[in-house]
Amino acid sequence: MTTNTQTTTRNQVDAGYETSKFALGVGMTMAALVGLWGTACLASALVSAGPLNLLQGYFTAIIG
């Protein structure tokens, strides 16, 4: 006679780990979007004002 045994396993989810993983992903995505937006703004300023005027404005803003 054969006996069939059935085992079940339950996967437990660590809610804190999953939440922090999601938050890290959202934070990294937002940082990438901010970086892309800053690069686009810098490229736009280079095209519209020119590199020398951009450097002059940068130094004027720092020095006064």
Protein backbone atom coordinates (compact mmCIF):
# COMPACT_ATOMS: atom_id res chain seq x y z
CA MET A 1 0.00 0.00 0.00
CA THR A 2 1.30 3.43 -0.87
CA THR A 3 0.62 6.50 1.14
CA ASN A 4 0.41 9.84 -0.60
CA THR A 5 1.48 12.77 1.49
CA GLN A 6 0.96 16.32 0.48
CA THR A 7 3.03 19.17 1.82
CA THR A 8 2.16 22.80 1.55
CA THR A 9 4.53 25.68 2.02
CA ARG A 10 3.55 29.23 2.68
CA ASN A 11 5.58 32.12 1.43
CA GLN A 12 5.72 34.90 3.95
CA VAL A 13 6.29 38.39 2.69
CA ASP A 14 8.30 40.85 4.72
CA ALA A 15 6.21 44.00 4.37
CA GLY A 16 8.96 46.31 5.61
CA TYR A 17 11.43 45.00 3.03
CA GLU A 18 8.92 45.26 0.20
CA THR A 19 7.93 48.78 1.21
CA SER A 20 11.51 50.00 1.41
CA LYS A 21 12.31 48.34 -1.91
CA PHE A 22 9.38 50.16 -3.53
CA ALA A 23 10.35 53.48 -1.92
CA LEU A 24 13.94 53.09 -3.11
CA GLY A 25 12.73 52.41 -6.65
CA VAL A 26 10.47 55.47 -6.60
CA GLY A 27 13.28 57.63 -5.21
CA MET A 28 15.74 56.46 -7.84
CA THR A 29 13.21 57.08 -10.60
CA MET A 30 12.50 60.60 -9.35
CA ALA A 31 16.23 61.34 -9.08
CA ALA A 32 16.72 60.19 -12.67
CA LEU A 33 13.85 62.41 -13.85
CA VAL A 34 15.27 65.43 -12.03
CA GLY A 35 18.69 64.77 -13.55
CA LEU A 36 17.25 64.49 -17.04
CA TRP A 37 15.25 67.68 -16.57
CA GLY A 38 18.34 69.55 -15.34
CA THR A 39 20.34 68.33 -18.32
CA ALA A 40 17.59 69.45 -20.69
CA CYS A 41 17.50 72.89 -19.05
CA LEU A 42 21.28 73.23 -19.30
CA ALA A 43 21.23 72.23 -22.97
CA SER A 44 18.45 74.75 -23.62
CA ALA A 45 20.46 77.51 -21.94
CA LEU A 46 23.54 76.61 -23.97
CA VAL A 47 21.56 76.81 -27.21
CA SER A 48 19.71 80.04 -26.44
CA ALA A 49 22.43 82.07 -24.68
CA GLY A 50 25.67 80.45 -25.81
CA PRO A 51 28.36 78.85 -23.69
CA LEU A 52 30.31 82.05 -22.94
CA ASN A 53 27.24 83.97 -21.79
CA LEU A 54 26.23 80.99 -19.69
CA LEU A 55 29.64 80.92 -17.96
CA GLN A 56 29.54 84.70 -17.48
CA GLY A 57 26.10 84.46 -15.88
CA TYR A 58 27.24 81.59 -13.67
CA PHE A 59 30.27 83.47 -12.37
CA THR A 60 28.22 86.65 -11.93
CA ALA A 61 25.69 84.72 -9.85
CA ILE A 62 28.45 83.28 -7.62
CA ILE A 63 30.68 86.34 -7.25
CA GLY A 64 28.00 89.02 -7.42
